[in-house]
Amino acid sequence: MAFESDKVMFEVYREIEYSGQYRVVYFTELQDHNKETEINRALAGEHFYDGFIKNYRKEEAKQIIENVLARLNSGESVTPEELEQSLGEHIA
């Protein structure tokens, strides 16, 4: 069983008020100075996928997420299920 400190909570969303781009926010890594802004931006967006990644090898998981964001932002069709499959063992 993973402890809360062993995982990172995140959400992938599409901005609908700004650029229309897909973005990710890692909630458990936000600092006090940007927490409210980032949470509000995500809440105002269109939800795509959320979950937890393991803290162990999280940089690999973040790169997978960034690759999927690049595909989405270039107009490619990617489903939430495909993102989840891509993350595979990184999901907490």
Protein backbone atom coordinates (compact mmCIF):
# COMPACT_ATOMS: atom_id res chain seq x y z
CA MET A 1 0.00 0.00 0.00
CA ALA A 2 1.36 3.43 -0.97
CA PHE A 3 1.47 6.24 1.52
CA GLU A 4 0.16 9.67 0.52
CA SER A 5 3.75 10.93 0.31
CA ASP A 6 4.62 8.14 -2.14
CA LYS A 7 2.38 9.45 -4.92
CA VAL A 8 1.66 12.60 -6.87
CA MET A 9 -1.91 13.69 -7.62
CA PHE A 10 -2.41 15.22 -11.07
CA GLU A 11 -5.01 16.29 -13.60
CA VAL A 12 -4.86 16.72 -17.36
CA TYR A 13 -7.34 19.30 -18.60
CA ARG A 14 -8.01 21.54 -21.59
CA GLU A 15 -8.08 25.25 -21.05
CA ILE A 16 -11.34 26.65 -22.35
CA GLU A 17 -10.94 30.28 -21.30
CA TYR A 18 -7.37 30.86 -22.50
CA SER A 19 -5.53 29.05 -25.26
CA GLY A 20 -7.58 25.86 -25.63
CA GLN A 21 -4.40 23.88 -25.01
CA TYR A 22 -4.18 20.73 -22.94
CA ARG A 23 -2.26 21.16 -19.69
CA VAL A 24 -1.33 19.17 -16.60
CA VAL A 25 -1.27 20.26 -13.00
CA TYR A 26 0.49 18.25 -10.29
CA PHE A 27 -1.61 19.22 -7.28
CA THR A 28 0.60 17.70 -4.60
CA GLU A 29 3.64 19.61 -5.92
CA LEU A 30 2.08 23.08 -5.87
CA GLN A 31 3.60 25.72 -3.65
CA ASP A 32 1.68 28.30 -1.64
CA HIS A 33 2.46 31.06 -4.15
CA ASN A 34 0.85 29.26 -7.12
CA LYS A 35 -1.60 26.85 -5.54
CA GLU A 36 -4.79 28.91 -5.84
CA THR A 37 -4.09 30.08 -9.40
CA GLU A 38 -3.28 26.62 -10.72
CA ILE A 39 -6.23 24.95 -9.01
CA ASN A 40 -8.64 27.60 -10.31
CA ARG A 41 -7.24 27.26 -13.82
CA ALA A 42 -7.73 23.49 -13.73
CA LEU A 43 -11.25 23.80 -12.31
CA ALA A 44 -12.20 26.23 -15.08
CA GLY A 45 -10.91 23.84 -17.74
CA GLU A 46 -12.41 20.79 -19.38
CA HIS A 47 -11.43 17.64 -17.48
CA PHE A 48 -9.55 15.00 -19.48
CA TYR A 49 -7.92 12.65 -16.94
CA ASP A 50 -6.86 12.62 -13.31
CA GLY A 51 -5.10 10.22 -11.04
CA PHE A 52 -1.97 9.50 -9.09
CA ILE A 53 1.50 8.58 -10.24
CA LYS A 54 4.08 6.91 -8.05
CA ASN A 55 6.68 9.23 -6.61
CA TYR A 56 9.29 6.62 -7.52
CA ARG A 57 10.35 7.32 -11.15
CA LYS A 58 7.85 10.17 -11.37
CA GLU A 59 10.03 12.00 -13.91
CA GLU A 60 9.47 9.13 -16.36
CA ALA A 61 5.72 9.37 -15.77
CA LYS A 62 5.79 13.14 -16.25
CA GLN A 63 7.59 12.67 -19.57
CA ILE A 64 4.88 10.24 -20.70
CA ILE A 65 2.23 12.80 -19.76
CA GLU A 66 4.12 15.57 -21.59
CA ASN A 67 4.33 13.38 -24.71
CA VAL A 68 0.57 12.80 -24.62
CA LEU A 69 -0.04 16.54 -24.11
CA ALA A 70 2.10 17.29 -27.18
CA ARG A 71 0.06 14.83 -29.21
CA LEU A 72 -3.23 16.31 -27.99
CA ASN A 73 -2.07 19.87 -28.61
CA SER A 74 -1.00 19.00 -32.15
CA GLY A 75 -4.56 17.85 -32.86
CA GLU A 76 -4.08 14.11 -32.52
CA SER A 77 -6.93 12.14 -31.02
CA VAL A 78 -5.90 10.50 -27.75
CA THR A 79 -8.32 8.97 -25.27
CA PRO A 80 -7.98 9.03 -21.48
CA GLU A 81 -7.68 5.24 -21.64
CA GLU A 82 -4.65 5.56 -23.93
CA LEU A 83 -3.00 7.92 -21.45
CA GLU A 84 -3.68 5.46 -18.64
CA GLN A 85 -2.24 2.59 -20.66
CA SER A 86 0.84 4.67 -21.50
CA LEU A 87 1.42 5.37 -17.80
CA GLY A 88 1.11 1.67 -17.00
CA GLU A 89 3.20 0.78 -13.94
CA HIS A 90 3.63 4.46 -13.04
CA ILE A 91 0.02 4.70 -11.83
CA ALA A 92 -0.24 4.61 -8.05
